[in-house]
ModelCIF file with pLDDT and N, C-alpha, C, O atoms, coordinates in Angstrom:
data_MODEL
#
_entry.id   MODEL 
#
_entity.id                         1 
_entity.type                       polymer 
_entity.pdbx_number_of_molecules   1 
#
_entity_poly.entity_id                      1 
_entity_poly.type                           'polypeptide(L)' 
_entity_poly.nstd_linkage                   no 
_entity_poly.nstd_monomer                   no 
_entity_poly.pdbx_seq_one_letter_code       VAESEGKVIVAGHTDDIPIKTIMYRSNWELSSSRAVTVAQFMLEK 
_entity_poly.pdbx_seq_one_letter_code_can   VAESEGKVIVAGHTDDIPIKTIMYRSNWELSSSRAVTVAQFMLEK 
_entity_poly.pdbx_strand_id                 A 
#
loop_
_entity_poly_seq.entity_id 
_entity_poly_seq.num 
_entity_poly_seq.mon_id 
_entity_poly_seq.hetero 
1 1  VAL n 
1 2  ALA n 
1 3  GLU n 
1 4  SER n 
1 5  GLU n 
1 6  GLY n 
1 7  LYS n 
1 8  VAL n 
1 9  ILE n 
1 10 VAL n 
1 11 ALA n 
1 12 GLY n 
1 13 HIS n 
1 14 THR n 
1 15 ASP n 
1 16 ASP n 
1 17 ILE n 
1 18 PRO n 
1 19 ILE n 
1 20 LYS n 
1 21 THR n 
1 22 ILE n 
1 23 MET n 
1 24 TYR n 
1 25 ARG n 
1 26 SER n 
1 27 ASN n 
1 28 TRP n 
1 29 GLU n 
1 30 LEU n 
1 31 SER n 
1 32 SER n 
1 33 SER n 
1 34 ARG n 
1 35 ALA n 
1 36 VAL n 
1 37 THR n 
1 38 VAL n 
1 39 ALA n 
1 40 GLN n 
1 41 PHE n 
1 42 MET n 
1 43 LEU n 
1 44 GLU n 
1 45 LYS n 
#
_struct_asym.id          A 
_struct_asym.entity_id   1 
#
loop_
_ma_qa_metric.id 
_ma_qa_metric.mode 
_ma_qa_metric.name 
_ma_qa_metric.software_group_id 
_ma_qa_metric.type 
1 global pLDDT . pLDDT 
2 local  pLDDT . pLDDT 
#
_ma_qa_metric_global.metric_id      1 
_ma_qa_metric_global.metric_value   92.53 
_ma_qa_metric_global.model_id       1 
_ma_qa_metric_global.ordinal_id     1 
#
loop_
_ma_qa_metric_local.label_asym_id 
_ma_qa_metric_local.label_comp_id 
_ma_qa_metric_local.label_seq_id 
_ma_qa_metric_local.metric_id 
_ma_qa_metric_local.metric_value 
_ma_qa_metric_local.model_id 
_ma_qa_metric_local.ordinal_id 
A VAL 1  2 93.00 1 1  
A ALA 2  2 92.00 1 2  
A GLU 3  2 90.00 1 3  
A SER 4  2 89.00 1 4  
A GLU 5  2 88.00 1 5  
A GLY 6  2 90.00 1 6  
A LYS 7  2 93.00 1 7  
A VAL 8  2 94.00 1 8  
A ILE 9  2 95.00 1 9  
A VAL 10 2 96.00 1 10 
A ALA 11 2 95.00 1 11 
A GLY 12 2 96.00 1 12 
A HIS 13 2 95.00 1 13 
A THR 14 2 94.00 1 14 
A ASP 15 2 93.00 1 15 
A ASP 16 2 92.00 1 16 
A ILE 17 2 92.00 1 17 
A PRO 18 2 92.00 1 18 
A ILE 19 2 89.00 1 19 
A LYS 20 2 86.00 1 20 
A THR 21 2 88.00 1 21 
A ILE 22 2 89.00 1 22 
A MET 23 2 90.00 1 23 
A TYR 24 2 91.00 1 24 
A ARG 25 2 92.00 1 25 
A SER 26 2 93.00 1 26 
A ASN 27 2 94.00 1 27 
A TRP 28 2 95.00 1 28 
A GLU 29 2 94.00 1 29 
A LEU 30 2 94.00 1 30 
A SER 31 2 95.00 1 31 
A SER 32 2 95.00 1 32 
A SER 33 2 95.00 1 33 
A ARG 34 2 94.00 1 34 
A ALA 35 2 95.00 1 35 
A VAL 36 2 96.00 1 36 
A THR 37 2 95.00 1 37 
A VAL 38 2 95.00 1 38 
A ALA 39 2 95.00 1 39 
A GLN 40 2 94.00 1 40 
A PHE 41 2 94.00 1 41 
A MET 42 2 93.00 1 42 
A LEU 43 2 93.00 1 43 
A GLU 44 2 90.00 1 44 
A LYS 45 2 81.00 1 45 
#
loop_
_atom_site.group_PDB 
_atom_site.id 
_atom_site.type_symbol 
_atom_site.label_atom_id 
_atom_site.label_alt_id 
_atom_site.label_comp_id 
_atom_site.label_asym_id 
_atom_site.label_entity_id 
_atom_site.label_seq_id 
_atom_site.pdbx_PDB_ins_code 
_atom_site.Cartn_x 
_atom_site.Cartn_y 
_atom_site.Cartn_z 
_atom_site.occupancy 
_atom_site.B_iso_or_equiv 
_atom_site.pdbx_formal_charge 
_atom_site.auth_seq_id 
_atom_site.auth_comp_id 
_atom_site.auth_asym_id 
_atom_site.auth_atom_id 
_atom_site.pdbx_PDB_model_num 
ATOM 1   N N  . VAL A 1 1  ? 0.831   -1.202  0.000  1.00 93.00 ? 1  VAL A N  1 
ATOM 2   C CA . VAL A 1 1  ? 0.000   0.000   0.000  1.00 93.00 ? 1  VAL A CA 1 
ATOM 3   C C  . VAL A 1 1  ? 0.867   1.253   0.000  1.00 93.00 ? 1  VAL A C  1 
ATOM 4   O O  . VAL A 1 1  ? 0.529   2.238   -0.657 1.00 93.00 ? 1  VAL A O  1 
ATOM 5   N N  . ALA A 1 2  ? 1.978   1.226   0.728  1.00 92.00 ? 2  ALA A N  1 
ATOM 6   C CA . ALA A 1 2  ? 2.858   2.389   0.784  1.00 92.00 ? 2  ALA A CA 1 
ATOM 7   C C  . ALA A 1 2  ? 3.463   2.709   -0.570 1.00 92.00 ? 2  ALA A C  1 
ATOM 8   O O  . ALA A 1 2  ? 3.726   3.874   -0.867 1.00 92.00 ? 2  ALA A O  1 
ATOM 9   N N  . GLU A 1 3  ? 3.689   1.701   -1.395 1.00 90.00 ? 3  GLU A N  1 
ATOM 10  C CA . GLU A 1 3  ? 4.295   1.913   -2.709 1.00 90.00 ? 3  GLU A CA 1 
ATOM 11  C C  . GLU A 1 3  ? 3.264   2.300   -3.769 1.00 90.00 ? 3  GLU A C  1 
ATOM 12  O O  . GLU A 1 3  ? 3.629   2.559   -4.915 1.00 90.00 ? 3  GLU A O  1 
ATOM 13  N N  . SER A 1 4  ? 1.992   2.343   -3.405 1.00 89.00 ? 4  SER A N  1 
ATOM 14  C CA . SER A 1 4  ? 0.932   2.677   -4.352 1.00 89.00 ? 4  SER A CA 1 
ATOM 15  C C  . SER A 1 4  ? 0.524   4.136   -4.188 1.00 89.00 ? 4  SER A C  1 
ATOM 16  O O  . SER A 1 4  ? 1.043   4.845   -3.326 1.00 89.00 ? 4  SER A O  1 
ATOM 17  N N  . GLU A 1 5  ? -0.410  4.571   -5.023 1.00 88.00 ? 5  GLU A N  1 
ATOM 18  C CA . GLU A 1 5  ? -0.949  5.923   -4.964 1.00 88.00 ? 5  GLU A CA 1 
ATOM 19  C C  . GLU A 1 5  ? -2.464  5.851   -4.884 1.00 88.00 ? 5  GLU A C  1 
ATOM 20  O O  . GLU A 1 5  ? -3.078  4.874   -5.312 1.00 88.00 ? 5  GLU A O  1 
ATOM 21  N N  . GLY A 1 6  ? -3.062  6.912   -4.323 1.00 90.00 ? 6  GLY A N  1 
ATOM 22  C CA . GLY A 1 6  ? -4.506  6.984   -4.245 1.00 90.00 ? 6  GLY A CA 1 
ATOM 23  C C  . GLY A 1 6  ? -5.008  6.814   -2.823 1.00 90.00 ? 6  GLY A C  1 
ATOM 24  O O  . GLY A 1 6  ? -4.231  6.615   -1.890 1.00 90.00 ? 6  GLY A O  1 
ATOM 25  N N  . LYS A 1 7  ? -6.325  6.896   -2.677 1.00 93.00 ? 7  LYS A N  1 
ATOM 26  C CA . LYS A 1 7  ? -6.964  6.734   -1.391 1.00 93.00 ? 7  LYS A CA 1 
ATOM 27  C C  . LYS A 1 7  ? -6.841  5.293   -0.912 1.00 93.00 ? 7  LYS A C  1 
ATOM 28  O O  . LYS A 1 7  ? -6.797  4.368   -1.723 1.00 93.00 ? 7  LYS A O  1 
ATOM 29  N N  . VAL A 1 8  ? -6.786  5.099   0.413  1.00 94.00 ? 8  VAL A N  1 
ATOM 30  C CA . VAL A 1 8  ? -6.744  3.773   1.022  1.00 94.00 ? 8  VAL A CA 1 
ATOM 31  C C  . VAL A 1 8  ? -8.019  3.615   1.843  1.00 94.00 ? 8  VAL A C  1 
ATOM 32  O O  . VAL A 1 8  ? -8.162  4.233   2.897  1.00 94.00 ? 8  VAL A O  1 
ATOM 33  N N  . ILE A 1 9  ? -8.927  2.803   1.371  1.00 95.00 ? 9  ILE A N  1 
ATOM 34  C CA . ILE A 1 9  ? -10.194 2.569   2.059  1.00 95.00 ? 9  ILE A CA 1 
ATOM 35  C C  . ILE A 1 9  ? -10.106 1.223   2.763  1.00 95.00 ? 9  ILE A C  1 
ATOM 36  O O  . ILE A 1 9  ? -9.952  0.192   2.107  1.00 95.00 ? 9  ILE A O  1 
ATOM 37  N N  . VAL A 1 10 ? -10.202 1.219   4.088  1.00 96.00 ? 10 VAL A N  1 
ATOM 38  C CA . VAL A 1 10 ? -10.170 -0.005  4.885  1.00 96.00 ? 10 VAL A CA 1 
ATOM 39  C C  . VAL A 1 10 ? -11.597 -0.279  5.333  1.00 96.00 ? 10 VAL A C  1 
ATOM 40  O O  . VAL A 1 10 ? -12.162 0.481   6.118  1.00 96.00 ? 10 VAL A O  1 
ATOM 41  N N  . ALA A 1 11 ? -12.182 -1.365  4.835  1.00 95.00 ? 11 ALA A N  1 
ATOM 42  C CA . ALA A 1 11 ? -13.586 -1.674  5.087  1.00 95.00 ? 11 ALA A CA 1 
ATOM 43  C C  . ALA A 1 11 ? -13.718 -3.022  5.764  1.00 95.00 ? 11 ALA A C  1 
ATOM 44  O O  . ALA A 1 11 ? -13.163 -4.016  5.297  1.00 95.00 ? 11 ALA A O  1 
ATOM 45  N N  . GLY A 1 12 ? -14.466 -3.057  6.885  1.00 96.00 ? 12 GLY A N  1 
ATOM 46  C CA . GLY A 1 12 ? -14.720 -4.297  7.606  1.00 96.00 ? 12 GLY A CA 1 
ATOM 47  C C  . GLY A 1 12 ? -16.072 -4.879  7.240  1.00 96.00 ? 12 GLY A C  1 
ATOM 48  O O  . GLY A 1 12 ? -17.034 -4.143  7.019  1.00 96.00 ? 12 GLY A O  1 
ATOM 49  N N  . HIS A 1 13 ? -16.145 -6.244  7.173  1.00 95.00 ? 13 HIS A N  1 
ATOM 50  C CA . HIS A 1 13 ? -17.382 -6.941  6.811  1.00 95.00 ? 13 HIS A CA 1 
ATOM 51  C C  . HIS A 1 13 ? -17.558 -8.141  7.740  1.00 95.00 ? 13 HIS A C  1 
ATOM 52  O O  . HIS A 1 13 ? -16.580 -8.748  8.177  1.00 95.00 ? 13 HIS A O  1 
ATOM 53  N N  . THR A 1 14 ? -18.819 -8.476  8.039  1.00 94.00 ? 14 THR A N  1 
ATOM 54  C CA . THR A 1 14 ? -19.143 -9.638  8.865  1.00 94.00 ? 14 THR A CA 1 
ATOM 55  C C  . THR A 1 14 ? -20.188 -10.482 8.147  1.00 94.00 ? 14 THR A C  1 
ATOM 56  O O  . THR A 1 14 ? -20.632 -10.142 7.051  1.00 94.00 ? 14 THR A O  1 
ATOM 57  N N  . ASP A 1 15 ? -20.577 -11.599 8.789  1.00 93.00 ? 15 ASP A N  1 
ATOM 58  C CA . ASP A 1 15 ? -21.699 -12.385 8.276  1.00 93.00 ? 15 ASP A CA 1 
ATOM 59  C C  . ASP A 1 15 ? -22.997 -11.861 8.866  1.00 93.00 ? 15 ASP A C  1 
ATOM 60  O O  . ASP A 1 15 ? -23.020 -10.803 9.496  1.00 93.00 ? 15 ASP A O  1 
ATOM 61  N N  . ASP A 1 16 ? -24.080 -12.605 8.661  1.00 92.00 ? 16 ASP A N  1 
ATOM 62  C CA . ASP A 1 16 ? -25.390 -12.115 9.082  1.00 92.00 ? 16 ASP A CA 1 
ATOM 63  C C  . ASP A 1 16 ? -25.819 -12.610 10.449 1.00 92.00 ? 16 ASP A C  1 
ATOM 64  O O  . ASP A 1 16 ? -26.951 -12.352 10.856 1.00 92.00 ? 16 ASP A O  1 
ATOM 65  N N  . ILE A 1 17 ? -24.959 -13.312 11.172 1.00 92.00 ? 17 ILE A N  1 
ATOM 66  C CA . ILE A 1 17 ? -25.318 -13.788 12.511 1.00 92.00 ? 17 ILE A CA 1 
ATOM 67  C C  . ILE A 1 17 ? -25.197 -12.625 13.484 1.00 92.00 ? 17 ILE A C  1 
ATOM 68  O O  . ILE A 1 17 ? -24.111 -12.060 13.612 1.00 92.00 ? 17 ILE A O  1 
ATOM 69  N N  . PRO A 1 18 ? -26.266 -12.246 14.173 1.00 92.00 ? 18 PRO A N  1 
ATOM 70  C CA . PRO A 1 18 ? -26.190 -11.107 15.091 1.00 92.00 ? 18 PRO A CA 1 
ATOM 71  C C  . PRO A 1 18 ? -25.209 -11.361 16.227 1.00 92.00 ? 18 PRO A C  1 
ATOM 72  O O  . PRO A 1 18 ? -25.019 -12.496 16.664 1.00 92.00 ? 18 PRO A O  1 
ATOM 73  N N  . ILE A 1 19 ? -24.590 -10.279 16.695 1.00 89.00 ? 19 ILE A N  1 
ATOM 74  C CA . ILE A 1 19 ? -23.641 -10.377 17.783 1.00 89.00 ? 19 ILE A CA 1 
ATOM 75  C C  . ILE A 1 19 ? -23.951 -9.292  18.802 1.00 89.00 ? 19 ILE A C  1 
ATOM 76  O O  . ILE A 1 19 ? -24.292 -8.162  18.453 1.00 89.00 ? 19 ILE A O  1 
ATOM 77  N N  . LYS A 1 20 ? -23.822 -9.664  20.069 1.00 86.00 ? 20 LYS A N  1 
ATOM 78  C CA . LYS A 1 20 ? -24.038 -8.695  21.140 1.00 86.00 ? 20 LYS A CA 1 
ATOM 79  C C  . LYS A 1 20 ? -23.227 -9.146  22.342 1.00 86.00 ? 20 LYS A C  1 
ATOM 80  O O  . LYS A 1 20 ? -23.645 -10.020 23.101 1.00 86.00 ? 20 LYS A O  1 
ATOM 81  N N  . THR A 1 21 ? -22.060 -8.534  22.504 1.00 88.00 ? 21 THR A N  1 
ATOM 82  C CA . THR A 1 21 ? -21.158 -8.876  23.600 1.00 88.00 ? 21 THR A CA 1 
ATOM 83  C C  . THR A 1 21 ? -20.844 -7.629  24.409 1.00 88.00 ? 21 THR A C  1 
ATOM 84  O O  . THR A 1 21 ? -21.348 -6.540  24.134 1.00 88.00 ? 21 THR A O  1 
ATOM 85  N N  . ILE A 1 22 ? -19.991 -7.820  25.422 1.00 89.00 ? 22 ILE A N  1 
ATOM 86  C CA . ILE A 1 22 ? -19.586 -6.680  26.240 1.00 89.00 ? 22 ILE A CA 1 
ATOM 87  C C  . ILE A 1 22 ? -18.790 -5.678  25.406 1.00 89.00 ? 22 ILE A C  1 
ATOM 88  O O  . ILE A 1 22 ? -18.904 -4.470  25.613 1.00 89.00 ? 22 ILE A O  1 
ATOM 89  N N  . MET A 1 23 ? -17.986 -6.174  24.467 1.00 90.00 ? 23 MET A N  1 
ATOM 90  C CA . MET A 1 23 ? -17.142 -5.302  23.651 1.00 90.00 ? 23 MET A CA 1 
ATOM 91  C C  . MET A 1 23 ? -17.896 -4.706  22.472 1.00 90.00 ? 23 MET A C  1 
ATOM 92  O O  . MET A 1 23 ? -17.688 -3.543  22.125 1.00 90.00 ? 23 MET A O  1 
ATOM 93  N N  . TYR A 1 24 ? -18.774 -5.497  21.852 1.00 91.00 ? 24 TYR A N  1 
ATOM 94  C CA . TYR A 1 24 ? -19.409 -5.049  20.620 1.00 91.00 ? 24 TYR A CA 1 
ATOM 95  C C  . TYR A 1 24 ? -20.913 -5.273  20.724 1.00 91.00 ? 24 TYR A C  1 
ATOM 96  O O  . TYR A 1 24 ? -21.368 -6.383  21.000 1.00 91.00 ? 24 TYR A O  1 
ATOM 97  N N  . ARG A 1 25 ? -21.665 -4.229  20.504 1.00 92.00 ? 25 ARG A N  1 
ATOM 98  C CA . ARG A 1 25 ? -23.121 -4.304  20.595 1.00 92.00 ? 25 ARG A CA 1 
ATOM 99  C C  . ARG A 1 25 ? -23.747 -4.887  19.338 1.00 92.00 ? 25 ARG A C  1 
ATOM 100 O O  . ARG A 1 25 ? -24.872 -5.386  19.382 1.00 92.00 ? 25 ARG A O  1 
ATOM 101 N N  . SER A 1 26 ? -23.030 -4.830  18.214 1.00 93.00 ? 26 SER A N  1 
ATOM 102 C CA . SER A 1 26 ? -23.588 -5.330  16.957 1.00 93.00 ? 26 SER A CA 1 
ATOM 103 C C  . SER A 1 26 ? -22.454 -5.604  15.986 1.00 93.00 ? 26 SER A C  1 
ATOM 104 O O  . SER A 1 26 ? -21.288 -5.322  16.263 1.00 93.00 ? 26 SER A O  1 
ATOM 105 N N  . ASN A 1 27 ? -22.827 -6.164  14.832 1.00 94.00 ? 27 ASN A N  1 
ATOM 106 C CA . ASN A 1 27 ? -21.837 -6.405  13.781 1.00 94.00 ? 27 ASN A CA 1 
ATOM 107 C C  . ASN A 1 27 ? -21.282 -5.102  13.214 1.00 94.00 ? 27 ASN A C  1 
ATOM 108 O O  . ASN A 1 27 ? -20.185 -5.088  12.655 1.00 94.00 ? 27 ASN A O  1 
ATOM 109 N N  . TRP A 1 28 ? -22.025 -4.016  13.353 1.00 95.00 ? 28 TRP A N  1 
ATOM 110 C CA . TRP A 1 28 ? -21.524 -2.723  12.894 1.00 95.00 ? 28 TRP A CA 1 
ATOM 111 C C  . TRP A 1 28 ? -20.267 -2.340  13.673 1.00 95.00 ? 28 TRP A C  1 
ATOM 112 O O  . TRP A 1 28 ? -19.274 -1.911  13.086 1.00 95.00 ? 28 TRP A O  1 
ATOM 113 N N  . GLU A 1 29 ? -20.313 -2.494  14.979 1.00 94.00 ? 29 GLU A N  1 
ATOM 114 C CA . GLU A 1 29 ? -19.132 -2.150  15.782 1.00 94.00 ? 29 GLU A CA 1 
ATOM 115 C C  . GLU A 1 29 ? -17.991 -3.123  15.523 1.00 94.00 ? 29 GLU A C  1 
ATOM 116 O O  . GLU A 1 29 ? -16.832 -2.714  15.467 1.00 94.00 ? 29 GLU A O  1 
ATOM 117 N N  . LEU A 1 30 ? -18.306 -4.402  15.365 1.00 94.00 ? 30 LEU A N  1 
ATOM 118 C CA . LEU A 1 30 ? -17.250 -5.386  15.119 1.00 94.00 ? 30 LEU A CA 1 
ATOM 119 C C  . LEU A 1 30 ? -16.551 -5.121  13.793 1.00 94.00 ? 30 LEU A C  1 
ATOM 120 O O  . LEU A 1 30 ? -15.321 -5.126  13.733 1.00 94.00 ? 30 LEU A O  1 
ATOM 121 N N  . SER A 1 31 ? -17.319 -4.889  12.724 1.00 95.00 ? 31 SER A N  1 
ATOM 122 C CA . SER A 1 31 ? -16.705 -4.650  11.410 1.00 95.00 ? 31 SER A CA 1 
ATOM 123 C C  . SER A 1 31 ? -15.892 -3.360  11.420 1.00 95.00 ? 31 SER A C  1 
ATOM 124 O O  . SER A 1 31 ? -14.810 -3.304  10.836 1.00 95.00 ? 31 SER A O  1 
ATOM 125 N N  . SER A 1 32 ? -16.407 -2.323  12.079 1.00 95.00 ? 32 SER A N  1 
ATOM 126 C CA . SER A 1 32 ? -15.668 -1.053  12.145 1.00 95.00 ? 32 SER A CA 1 
ATOM 127 C C  . SER A 1 32 ? -14.389 -1.205  12.959 1.00 95.00 ? 32 SER A C  1 
ATOM 128 O O  . SER A 1 32 ? -13.351 -0.652  12.593 1.00 95.00 ? 32 SER A O  1 
ATOM 129 N N  . SER A 1 33 ? -14.457 -1.948  14.056 1.00 95.00 ? 33 SER A N  1 
ATOM 130 C CA . SER A 1 33 ? -13.271 -2.137  14.906 1.00 95.00 ? 33 SER A CA 1 
ATOM 131 C C  . SER A 1 33 ? -12.181 -2.911  14.180 1.00 95.00 ? 33 SER A C  1 
ATOM 132 O O  . SER A 1 33 ? -10.997 -2.601  14.311 1.00 95.00 ? 33 SER A O  1 
ATOM 133 N N  . ARG A 1 34 ? -12.580 -3.909  13.422 1.00 94.00 ? 34 ARG A N  1 
ATOM 134 C CA . ARG A 1 34 ? -11.578 -4.662  12.659 1.00 94.00 ? 34 ARG A CA 1 
ATOM 135 C C  . ARG A 1 34 ? -10.916 -3.781  11.600 1.00 94.00 ? 34 ARG A C  1 
ATOM 136 O O  . ARG A 1 34 ? -9.709  -3.874  11.376 1.00 94.00 ? 34 ARG A O  1 
ATOM 137 N N  . ALA A 1 35 ? -11.702 -2.934  10.956 1.00 95.00 ? 35 ALA A N  1 
ATOM 138 C CA . ALA A 1 35 ? -11.128 -2.015  9.975  1.00 95.00 ? 35 ALA A CA 1 
ATOM 139 C C  . ALA A 1 35 ? -10.165 -1.040  10.641 1.00 95.00 ? 35 ALA A C  1 
ATOM 140 O O  . ALA A 1 35 ? -9.103  -0.746  10.092 1.00 95.00 ? 35 ALA A O  1 
ATOM 141 N N  . VAL A 1 36 ? -10.528 -0.535  11.822 1.00 96.00 ? 36 VAL A N  1 
ATOM 142 C CA . VAL A 1 36 ? -9.644  0.376   12.547 1.00 96.00 ? 36 VAL A CA 1 
ATOM 143 C C  . VAL A 1 36 ? -8.359  -0.329  12.953 1.00 96.00 ? 36 VAL A C  1 
ATOM 144 O O  . VAL A 1 36 ? -7.284  0.268   12.895 1.00 96.00 ? 36 VAL A O  1 
ATOM 145 N N  . THR A 1 37 ? -8.453  -1.602  13.367 1.00 95.00 ? 37 THR A N  1 
ATOM 146 C CA . THR A 1 37 ? -7.262  -2.354  13.763 1.00 95.00 ? 37 THR A CA 1 
ATOM 147 C C  . THR A 1 37 ? -6.276  -2.480  12.599 1.00 95.00 ? 37 THR A C  1 
ATOM 148 O O  . THR A 1 37 ? -5.075  -2.273  12.774 1.00 95.00 ? 37 THR A O  1 
ATOM 149 N N  . VAL A 1 38 ? -6.784  -2.818  11.412 1.00 95.00 ? 38 VAL A N  1 
ATOM 150 C CA . VAL A 1 38 ? -5.915  -2.949  10.237 1.00 95.00 ? 38 VAL A CA 1 
ATOM 151 C C  . VAL A 1 38 ? -5.303  -1.598  9.866  1.00 95.00 ? 38 VAL A C  1 
ATOM 152 O O  . VAL A 1 38 ? -4.110  -1.513  9.577  1.00 95.00 ? 38 VAL A O  1 
ATOM 153 N N  . ALA A 1 39 ? -6.116  -0.548  9.875  1.00 95.00 ? 39 ALA A N  1 
ATOM 154 C CA . ALA A 1 39 ? -5.601  0.778   9.522  1.00 95.00 ? 39 ALA A CA 1 
ATOM 155 C C  . ALA A 1 39 ? -4.573  1.256   10.535 1.00 95.00 ? 39 ALA A C  1 
ATOM 156 O O  . ALA A 1 39 ? -3.556  1.839   10.160 1.00 95.00 ? 39 ALA A O  1 
ATOM 157 N N  . GLN A 1 40 ? -4.831  1.013   11.815 1.00 94.00 ? 40 GLN A N  1 
ATOM 158 C CA . GLN A 1 40 ? -3.893  1.442   12.850 1.00 94.00 ? 40 GLN A CA 1 
ATOM 159 C C  . GLN A 1 40 ? -2.558  0.718   12.717 1.00 94.00 ? 40 GLN A C  1 
ATOM 160 O O  . GLN A 1 40 ? -1.506  1.319   12.931 1.00 94.00 ? 40 GLN A O  1 
ATOM 161 N N  . PHE A 1 41 ? -2.589  -0.557  12.367 1.00 94.00 ? 41 PHE A N  1 
ATOM 162 C CA . PHE A 1 41 ? -1.345  -1.301  12.168 1.00 94.00 ? 41 PHE A CA 1 
ATOM 163 C C  . PHE A 1 41 ? -0.514  -0.664  11.059 1.00 94.00 ? 41 PHE A C  1 
ATOM 164 O O  . PHE A 1 41 ? 0.695   -0.493  11.210 1.00 94.00 ? 41 PHE A O  1 
ATOM 165 N N  . MET A 1 42 ? -1.159  -0.311  9.941  1.00 93.00 ? 42 MET A N  1 
ATOM 166 C CA . MET A 1 42 ? -0.421  0.285   8.823  1.00 93.00 ? 42 MET A CA 1 
ATOM 167 C C  . MET A 1 42 ? 0.081   1.682   9.165  1.00 93.00 ? 42 MET A C  1 
ATOM 168 O O  . MET A 1 42 ? 1.166   2.075   8.736  1.00 93.00 ? 42 MET A O  1 
ATOM 169 N N  . LEU A 1 43 ? -0.702  2.430   9.932  1.00 93.00 ? 43 LEU A N  1 
ATOM 170 C CA . LEU A 1 43 ? -0.284  3.790   10.280 1.00 93.00 ? 43 LEU A CA 1 
ATOM 171 C C  . LEU A 1 43 ? 0.887   3.786   11.250 1.00 93.00 ? 43 LEU A C  1 
ATOM 172 O O  . LEU A 1 43 ? 1.716   4.696   11.220 1.00 93.00 ? 43 LEU A O  1 
ATOM 173 N N  . GLU A 1 44 ? 0.969   2.776   12.112 1.00 90.00 ? 44 GLU A N  1 
ATOM 174 C CA . GLU A 1 44 ? 2.075   2.716   13.075 1.00 90.00 ? 44 GLU A CA 1 
ATOM 175 C C  . GLU A 1 44 ? 3.421   2.485   12.402 1.00 90.00 ? 44 GLU A C  1 
ATOM 176 O O  . GLU A 1 44 ? 4.466   2.732   13.004 1.00 90.00 ? 44 GLU A O  1 
ATOM 177 N N  . LYS A 1 45 ? 3.402   2.017   11.167 1.00 81.00 ? 45 LYS A N  1 
ATOM 178 C CA . LYS A 1 45 ? 4.663   1.807   10.443 1.00 81.00 ? 45 LYS A CA 1 
ATOM 179 C C  . LYS A 1 45 ? 5.216   3.125   9.881  1.00 81.00 ? 45 LYS A C  1 
ATOM 180 O O  . LYS A 1 45 ? 6.270   3.131   9.244  1.00 81.00 ? 45 LYS A O  1 
#
């Protein structure tokens, strides 16, 4: 990604099984958190 040009869109996706835990209230939070984790890893470099 660093050697490329253009926007970098990091998008998280889940399946259709609902989730509700202490950390994540829904698949929306889980997919967004996974995308943030990947983006944060690349930004730390």
